[in-house]
N, C-alpha and C. Protein backbone atom coordinates (compact mmCIF):
# COMPACT_ATOMS: atom_id res chain seq x y z
N MET A 1 40.27 235.62 15.95
CA MET A 1 40.36 236.34 14.68
C MET A 1 41.59 235.83 13.90
N LYS A 2 41.40 235.63 12.64
CA LYS A 2 42.48 235.14 11.79
C LYS A 2 43.56 236.20 11.61
N ASP A 3 44.82 235.77 11.65
CA ASP A 3 45.94 236.67 11.45
C ASP A 3 46.22 236.79 9.95
N PHE A 4 45.78 237.85 9.33
CA PHE A 4 45.94 238.04 7.90
C PHE A 4 47.37 238.42 7.54
N THR A 5 47.86 237.90 6.44
CA THR A 5 49.21 238.21 5.97
C THR A 5 49.36 239.70 5.68
N LEU A 6 48.33 240.30 5.12
CA LEU A 6 48.37 241.72 4.81
C LEU A 6 48.80 242.55 6.01
N HIS A 7 48.28 242.22 7.17
CA HIS A 7 48.54 242.99 8.38
C HIS A 7 49.96 242.86 8.89
N ASN A 8 50.73 241.96 8.32
CA ASN A 8 52.12 241.76 8.72
C ASN A 8 53.10 242.32 7.70
N ARG A 9 52.62 243.05 6.74
CA ARG A 9 53.47 243.63 5.70
C ARG A 9 53.91 245.02 6.11
N ILE A 10 55.17 245.34 5.79
CA ILE A 10 55.72 246.64 6.17
C ILE A 10 54.94 247.78 5.54
N GLY A 11 54.56 247.63 4.28
CA GLY A 11 53.80 248.70 3.60
C GLY A 11 52.48 248.97 4.29
N TYR A 12 51.79 247.94 4.66
CA TYR A 12 50.51 248.09 5.35
C TYR A 12 50.70 248.79 6.69
N LYS A 13 51.67 248.33 7.46
CA LYS A 13 51.89 248.90 8.80
C LYS A 13 52.34 250.37 8.73
N VAL A 14 53.25 250.67 7.83
CA VAL A 14 53.74 252.04 7.69
C VAL A 14 52.63 252.96 7.18
N THR A 15 51.87 252.47 6.20
CA THR A 15 50.77 253.26 5.66
C THR A 15 49.72 253.51 6.73
N ARG A 16 49.39 252.49 7.50
CA ARG A 16 48.39 252.64 8.56
C ARG A 16 48.84 253.67 9.60
N LEU A 17 50.09 253.57 10.03
CA LEU A 17 50.62 254.54 10.99
C LEU A 17 50.57 255.95 10.40
N ALA A 18 51.00 256.10 9.16
CA ALA A 18 50.99 257.41 8.52
C ALA A 18 49.57 257.96 8.45
N ARG A 19 48.62 257.14 8.08
CA ARG A 19 47.22 257.59 7.99
C ARG A 19 46.67 257.97 9.36
N LEU A 20 47.00 257.19 10.39
CA LEU A 20 46.54 257.53 11.75
C LEU A 20 47.07 258.91 12.15
N MET A 21 48.34 259.15 11.88
CA MET A 21 48.96 260.43 12.22
C MET A 21 48.36 261.55 11.36
N GLU A 22 48.18 261.26 10.08
CA GLU A 22 47.65 262.23 9.13
C GLU A 22 46.24 262.68 9.52
N VAL A 23 45.38 261.72 9.83
CA VAL A 23 44.00 262.04 10.20
C VAL A 23 43.96 262.88 11.47
N ARG A 24 44.76 262.52 12.43
CA ARG A 24 44.80 263.28 13.69
C ARG A 24 45.30 264.70 13.46
N LEU A 25 46.37 264.82 12.67
CA LEU A 25 46.93 266.15 12.38
C LEU A 25 45.94 267.00 11.60
N GLU A 26 45.34 266.42 10.56
CA GLU A 26 44.39 267.18 9.74
C GLU A 26 43.22 267.70 10.57
N LYS A 27 42.77 266.90 11.51
CA LYS A 27 41.67 267.34 12.38
C LYS A 27 42.11 268.53 13.23
N GLN A 28 43.30 268.44 13.80
CA GLN A 28 43.78 269.51 14.68
C GLN A 28 44.06 270.81 13.94
N ILE A 29 44.84 270.75 12.88
CA ILE A 29 45.19 271.99 12.18
C ILE A 29 44.05 272.46 11.28
N GLY A 30 43.17 271.53 10.91
CA GLY A 30 42.01 271.89 10.10
C GLY A 30 41.11 272.89 10.79
N GLU A 31 41.12 272.87 12.12
CA GLU A 31 40.33 273.85 12.88
C GLU A 31 40.84 275.27 12.67
N HIS A 32 42.06 275.39 12.16
CA HIS A 32 42.65 276.69 11.83
C HIS A 32 42.60 276.96 10.33
N GLY A 33 41.94 276.08 9.58
CA GLY A 33 41.83 276.25 8.13
C GLY A 33 43.11 275.90 7.39
N ILE A 34 43.96 275.08 8.00
CA ILE A 34 45.26 274.73 7.43
C ILE A 34 45.28 273.25 7.08
N THR A 35 45.83 272.94 5.90
CA THR A 35 46.03 271.55 5.49
C THR A 35 47.46 271.13 5.86
N ARG A 36 47.76 269.84 5.71
CA ARG A 36 49.11 269.36 6.00
C ARG A 36 50.14 270.05 5.10
N LEU A 37 49.84 270.18 3.81
CA LEU A 37 50.80 270.82 2.91
C LEU A 37 50.95 272.31 3.23
N MET A 38 49.84 272.96 3.60
CA MET A 38 49.95 274.36 4.02
C MET A 38 50.85 274.47 5.24
N TRP A 39 50.71 273.53 6.17
CA TRP A 39 51.55 273.54 7.36
C TRP A 39 53.02 273.43 6.95
N CYS A 40 53.32 272.55 6.01
CA CYS A 40 54.70 272.38 5.56
C CYS A 40 55.25 273.69 5.00
N VAL A 41 54.44 274.42 4.23
CA VAL A 41 54.87 275.71 3.69
C VAL A 41 55.07 276.72 4.82
N LEU A 42 54.10 276.80 5.74
CA LEU A 42 54.22 277.74 6.85
C LEU A 42 55.50 277.48 7.63
N ARG A 43 55.77 276.23 7.92
CA ARG A 43 56.98 275.87 8.67
C ARG A 43 58.23 276.18 7.85
N GLY A 44 58.22 275.77 6.59
CA GLY A 44 59.39 275.99 5.74
C GLY A 44 59.75 277.46 5.63
N VAL A 45 58.76 278.29 5.35
CA VAL A 45 59.01 279.72 5.17
C VAL A 45 59.26 280.39 6.52
N GLY A 46 58.38 280.14 7.49
CA GLY A 46 58.43 280.87 8.75
C GLY A 46 59.44 280.40 9.76
N MET A 47 59.83 279.12 9.69
CA MET A 47 60.72 278.59 10.72
C MET A 47 62.06 278.10 10.18
N GLU A 48 62.12 277.86 8.86
CA GLU A 48 63.34 277.29 8.31
C GLU A 48 63.96 278.14 7.21
N GLY A 49 63.31 279.27 6.89
CA GLY A 49 63.88 280.21 5.92
C GLY A 49 63.88 279.72 4.48
N VAL A 50 62.98 278.82 4.13
CA VAL A 50 62.87 278.33 2.76
C VAL A 50 61.89 279.26 2.05
N THR A 51 62.39 280.10 1.15
CA THR A 51 61.54 281.18 0.63
C THR A 51 61.29 281.19 -0.87
N THR A 52 61.84 280.24 -1.62
CA THR A 52 61.54 280.22 -3.05
C THR A 52 60.62 279.03 -3.35
N PRO A 53 59.77 279.17 -4.35
CA PRO A 53 58.88 278.07 -4.70
C PRO A 53 59.62 276.76 -5.00
N SER A 54 60.70 276.82 -5.75
CA SER A 54 61.41 275.59 -6.08
C SER A 54 62.05 274.98 -4.84
N ALA A 55 62.58 275.81 -3.95
CA ALA A 55 63.16 275.30 -2.71
C ALA A 55 62.08 274.70 -1.82
N LEU A 56 60.89 275.32 -1.81
CA LEU A 56 59.78 274.76 -1.02
C LEU A 56 59.34 273.41 -1.58
N ALA A 57 59.29 273.28 -2.90
CA ALA A 57 58.93 272.00 -3.51
C ALA A 57 59.92 270.92 -3.09
N SER A 58 61.20 271.25 -3.12
CA SER A 58 62.24 270.29 -2.69
C SER A 58 62.14 270.00 -1.20
N TYR A 59 61.94 271.03 -0.41
CA TYR A 59 61.83 270.90 1.06
C TYR A 59 60.70 269.97 1.45
N ILE A 60 59.55 270.13 0.81
CA ILE A 60 58.39 269.31 1.14
C ILE A 60 58.47 267.95 0.45
N GLY A 61 59.08 267.93 -0.73
CA GLY A 61 59.19 266.69 -1.49
C GLY A 61 58.03 266.48 -2.44
N ILE A 62 57.50 267.59 -2.98
CA ILE A 62 56.40 267.51 -3.94
C ILE A 62 56.81 268.17 -5.25
N ALA A 63 56.03 267.91 -6.30
CA ALA A 63 56.32 268.45 -7.62
C ALA A 63 56.10 269.96 -7.66
N ARG A 64 56.81 270.63 -8.53
CA ARG A 64 56.71 272.09 -8.64
C ARG A 64 55.32 272.59 -9.01
N PRO A 65 54.60 271.92 -9.92
CA PRO A 65 53.23 272.39 -10.20
C PRO A 65 52.33 272.34 -8.96
N ALA A 66 52.55 271.34 -8.11
CA ALA A 66 51.75 271.23 -6.89
C ALA A 66 52.05 272.39 -5.94
N ILE A 67 53.32 272.78 -5.83
CA ILE A 67 53.67 273.88 -4.93
C ILE A 67 53.13 275.19 -5.48
N SER A 68 53.14 275.34 -6.79
CA SER A 68 52.60 276.57 -7.40
C SER A 68 51.12 276.74 -7.07
N ARG A 69 50.35 275.65 -7.20
CA ARG A 69 48.92 275.71 -6.88
C ARG A 69 48.71 276.00 -5.40
N LEU A 70 49.50 275.36 -4.57
CA LEU A 70 49.39 275.55 -3.12
C LEU A 70 49.70 276.99 -2.73
N LEU A 71 50.76 277.55 -3.26
CA LEU A 71 51.13 278.94 -2.94
C LEU A 71 50.06 279.91 -3.40
N LYS A 72 49.47 279.65 -4.56
CA LYS A 72 48.40 280.52 -5.06
C LYS A 72 47.21 280.50 -4.09
N THR A 73 46.83 279.31 -3.64
CA THR A 73 45.73 279.17 -2.69
C THR A 73 46.04 279.88 -1.38
N MET A 74 47.25 279.69 -0.88
CA MET A 74 47.64 280.31 0.39
C MET A 74 47.70 281.82 0.27
N GLU A 75 48.11 282.31 -0.88
CA GLU A 75 48.14 283.76 -1.10
C GLU A 75 46.71 284.30 -1.12
N GLN A 76 45.81 283.60 -1.78
CA GLN A 76 44.41 284.02 -1.82
C GLN A 76 43.78 284.03 -0.42
N GLN A 77 44.25 283.16 0.44
CA GLN A 77 43.73 283.10 1.81
C GLN A 77 44.43 284.09 2.75
N GLY A 78 45.37 284.85 2.22
CA GLY A 78 46.05 285.86 3.02
C GLY A 78 47.12 285.32 3.95
N LEU A 79 47.63 284.11 3.68
CA LEU A 79 48.64 283.50 4.55
C LEU A 79 50.06 283.89 4.16
N LEU A 80 50.24 284.25 2.89
CA LEU A 80 51.57 284.61 2.41
C LEU A 80 51.48 285.57 1.25
N VAL A 81 52.61 286.16 0.93
CA VAL A 81 52.74 287.01 -0.26
C VAL A 81 53.93 286.50 -1.06
N ARG A 82 53.83 286.67 -2.36
CA ARG A 82 54.93 286.29 -3.25
C ARG A 82 55.48 287.57 -3.85
N ASN A 83 56.78 287.77 -3.72
CA ASN A 83 57.45 289.00 -4.17
C ASN A 83 58.56 288.68 -5.15
N GLY A 84 59.03 289.73 -5.83
CA GLY A 84 60.23 289.63 -6.66
C GLY A 84 60.05 288.85 -7.92
N ILE A 85 59.25 289.34 -8.83
CA ILE A 85 59.01 288.63 -10.07
C ILE A 85 60.17 288.86 -11.03
N ASP A 86 60.74 287.73 -11.52
CA ASP A 86 61.84 287.79 -12.48
C ASP A 86 61.33 288.26 -13.84
N THR A 87 62.25 288.53 -14.75
CA THR A 87 61.88 288.96 -16.10
C THR A 87 61.07 287.89 -16.83
N ASP A 88 61.25 286.62 -16.46
CA ASP A 88 60.49 285.56 -17.12
C ASP A 88 59.16 285.28 -16.42
N GLY A 89 58.81 286.11 -15.43
CA GLY A 89 57.50 286.01 -14.78
C GLY A 89 57.45 285.09 -13.58
N ARG A 90 58.56 284.46 -13.22
CA ARG A 90 58.55 283.56 -12.06
C ARG A 90 58.76 284.34 -10.77
N VAL A 91 58.05 283.90 -9.74
CA VAL A 91 58.17 284.52 -8.42
C VAL A 91 59.44 284.02 -7.75
N THR A 92 60.17 284.92 -7.10
CA THR A 92 61.43 284.51 -6.51
C THR A 92 61.38 284.32 -5.00
N GLU A 93 60.47 284.97 -4.29
CA GLU A 93 60.45 284.82 -2.83
C GLU A 93 59.04 284.78 -2.28
N VAL A 94 58.90 284.02 -1.21
CA VAL A 94 57.63 283.85 -0.51
C VAL A 94 57.83 284.33 0.92
N HIS A 95 56.88 285.11 1.44
CA HIS A 95 56.94 285.60 2.82
C HIS A 95 55.58 285.42 3.47
N LEU A 96 55.59 285.10 4.76
CA LEU A 96 54.33 284.94 5.49
C LEU A 96 53.77 286.30 5.86
N THR A 97 52.46 286.40 5.81
CA THR A 97 51.77 287.59 6.30
C THR A 97 51.63 287.46 7.82
N ASP A 98 51.10 288.47 8.47
CA ASP A 98 50.84 288.38 9.91
C ASP A 98 49.88 287.22 10.19
N THR A 99 48.88 287.05 9.33
CA THR A 99 47.94 285.94 9.48
C THR A 99 48.67 284.61 9.35
N GLY A 100 49.54 284.51 8.37
CA GLY A 100 50.33 283.29 8.18
C GLY A 100 51.20 282.99 9.38
N GLN A 101 51.83 284.03 9.93
CA GLN A 101 52.66 283.86 11.14
C GLN A 101 51.82 283.35 12.31
N SER A 102 50.65 283.92 12.47
CA SER A 102 49.76 283.53 13.56
C SER A 102 49.32 282.08 13.42
N LYS A 103 48.93 281.69 12.21
CA LYS A 103 48.53 280.30 11.95
C LYS A 103 49.69 279.35 12.17
N MET A 104 50.89 279.76 11.76
CA MET A 104 52.07 278.93 11.94
C MET A 104 52.32 278.66 13.42
N ARG A 105 52.22 279.69 14.24
CA ARG A 105 52.45 279.52 15.69
C ARG A 105 51.39 278.60 16.30
N ALA A 106 50.14 278.80 15.94
CA ALA A 106 49.05 277.99 16.50
C ALA A 106 49.20 276.53 16.08
N CYS A 107 49.53 276.30 14.83
CA CYS A 107 49.65 274.93 14.34
C CYS A 107 50.93 274.26 14.84
N HIS A 108 51.98 275.04 15.05
CA HIS A 108 53.23 274.47 15.55
C HIS A 108 53.01 273.78 16.89
N ARG A 109 52.23 274.40 17.73
CA ARG A 109 51.93 273.80 19.04
C ARG A 109 51.20 272.47 18.85
N LEU A 110 50.27 272.42 17.93
CA LEU A 110 49.50 271.20 17.68
C LEU A 110 50.36 270.09 17.09
N VAL A 111 51.26 270.45 16.18
CA VAL A 111 52.16 269.47 15.58
C VAL A 111 53.10 268.91 16.63
N LYS A 112 53.59 269.78 17.51
CA LYS A 112 54.45 269.30 18.59
C LYS A 112 53.71 268.31 19.49
N GLU A 113 52.46 268.62 19.81
CA GLU A 113 51.65 267.72 20.63
C GLU A 113 51.47 266.36 19.95
N LEU A 114 51.23 266.36 18.65
CA LEU A 114 51.08 265.12 17.90
C LEU A 114 52.37 264.30 17.96
N ASN A 115 53.49 264.96 17.75
CA ASN A 115 54.78 264.26 17.79
C ASN A 115 55.06 263.69 19.17
N VAL A 116 54.75 264.44 20.20
CA VAL A 116 54.95 263.96 21.57
C VAL A 116 54.05 262.76 21.84
N HIS A 117 52.81 262.83 21.35
CA HIS A 117 51.87 261.72 21.56
C HIS A 117 52.44 260.41 21.01
N PHE A 118 52.91 260.43 19.76
CA PHE A 118 53.39 259.21 19.14
C PHE A 118 54.81 258.84 19.58
N SER A 119 55.71 259.79 19.64
CA SER A 119 57.08 259.45 20.05
C SER A 119 57.13 259.05 21.52
N GLY A 120 56.20 259.55 22.32
CA GLY A 120 56.15 259.21 23.74
C GLY A 120 55.76 257.76 23.99
N LYS A 121 55.28 257.07 22.98
CA LYS A 121 54.94 255.66 23.12
C LYS A 121 56.18 254.77 23.08
N LEU A 122 57.31 255.36 22.70
CA LEU A 122 58.57 254.62 22.59
C LEU A 122 59.58 255.12 23.61
N GLU A 123 60.41 254.21 24.09
CA GLU A 123 61.55 254.64 24.91
C GLU A 123 62.53 255.35 23.98
N GLN A 124 63.38 256.19 24.54
CA GLN A 124 64.29 257.01 23.74
C GLN A 124 65.12 256.18 22.76
N LYS A 125 65.68 255.08 23.23
CA LYS A 125 66.51 254.23 22.36
C LYS A 125 65.68 253.65 21.22
N ALA A 126 64.48 253.19 21.51
CA ALA A 126 63.60 252.63 20.48
C ALA A 126 63.21 253.71 19.47
N TYR A 127 62.97 254.93 19.97
CA TYR A 127 62.63 256.05 19.08
C TYR A 127 63.79 256.34 18.13
N GLU A 128 65.00 256.42 18.66
CA GLU A 128 66.17 256.69 17.83
C GLU A 128 66.37 255.59 16.79
N GLU A 129 66.18 254.33 17.18
CA GLU A 129 66.31 253.23 16.24
C GLU A 129 65.22 253.29 15.17
N PHE A 130 64.01 253.64 15.57
CA PHE A 130 62.90 253.76 14.64
C PHE A 130 63.19 254.84 13.60
N MET A 131 63.65 256.00 14.05
CA MET A 131 63.97 257.09 13.13
C MET A 131 65.11 256.70 12.19
N SER A 132 66.10 256.01 12.71
CA SER A 132 67.21 255.53 11.89
C SER A 132 66.73 254.51 10.86
N THR A 133 65.82 253.65 11.25
CA THR A 133 65.26 252.65 10.34
C THR A 133 64.49 253.32 9.22
N ILE A 134 63.70 254.32 9.56
CA ILE A 134 62.96 255.05 8.53
C ILE A 134 63.93 255.69 7.54
N ASP A 135 64.99 256.30 8.06
CA ASP A 135 65.99 256.90 7.18
C ASP A 135 66.61 255.86 6.23
N ARG A 136 66.90 254.66 6.77
CA ARG A 136 67.46 253.60 5.92
C ARG A 136 66.47 253.17 4.84
N LEU A 137 65.21 253.06 5.20
CA LEU A 137 64.19 252.63 4.23
C LEU A 137 63.95 253.66 3.13
N THR A 138 64.10 254.93 3.44
CA THR A 138 63.86 255.97 2.44
C THR A 138 65.13 256.38 1.70
N GLU A 139 66.28 255.91 2.13
CA GLU A 139 67.54 256.26 1.50
C GLU A 139 67.54 255.85 0.03
N GLY A 140 67.88 256.79 -0.83
CA GLY A 140 67.95 256.52 -2.26
C GLY A 140 66.61 256.55 -2.98
N GLU A 141 65.55 256.78 -2.25
CA GLU A 141 64.21 256.85 -2.84
C GLU A 141 63.90 258.32 -3.10
N ASN A 142 64.16 258.77 -4.30
CA ASN A 142 64.08 260.20 -4.62
C ASN A 142 62.88 260.58 -5.46
N ALA A 143 61.83 259.81 -5.43
CA ALA A 143 60.65 260.12 -6.23
C ALA A 143 60.03 261.43 -5.76
N THR A 144 59.66 262.28 -6.70
CA THR A 144 58.95 263.50 -6.40
C THR A 144 57.48 263.18 -6.31
N LEU A 145 56.86 263.51 -5.20
CA LEU A 145 55.47 263.18 -4.97
C LEU A 145 54.54 264.31 -5.38
N VAL A 146 53.40 263.96 -5.93
CA VAL A 146 52.39 264.95 -6.25
C VAL A 146 51.60 265.25 -4.97
N ARG A 147 51.45 264.25 -4.14
CA ARG A 147 50.69 264.36 -2.89
C ARG A 147 51.54 263.80 -1.77
N LEU A 148 51.54 264.49 -0.65
CA LEU A 148 52.28 264.02 0.51
C LEU A 148 51.31 263.67 1.60
């Protein structure tokens, strides 16, 4: 088989790895009716104390309109509630419902399994170097993403 130049490009390799992880994660948490972005919100609110829409947008790294749509969908599904409306009509805090807490716990186990699966393919030193390399490659890249 011919060795294509495309397959030796960093963008191709990183994108392929991300897609492999993404597809596996979506399949696992999808069984609970949760998307990757929903998982990020559940984790941010339930495990990291990120409770405002703007802070969640920054935490996840997506645009504010995208987080607004996501929170509305999650609220309609009974995963969270939005409280504390300011005088200008903006919501100030997000809290998980019991259903949201339950989904967060179930999906957390699956996310941990996914991370163990991929990180377990590397020795500890290689893993640390890989994580450091990713940090170097993303340093200074502050684009706000519409989709993660």
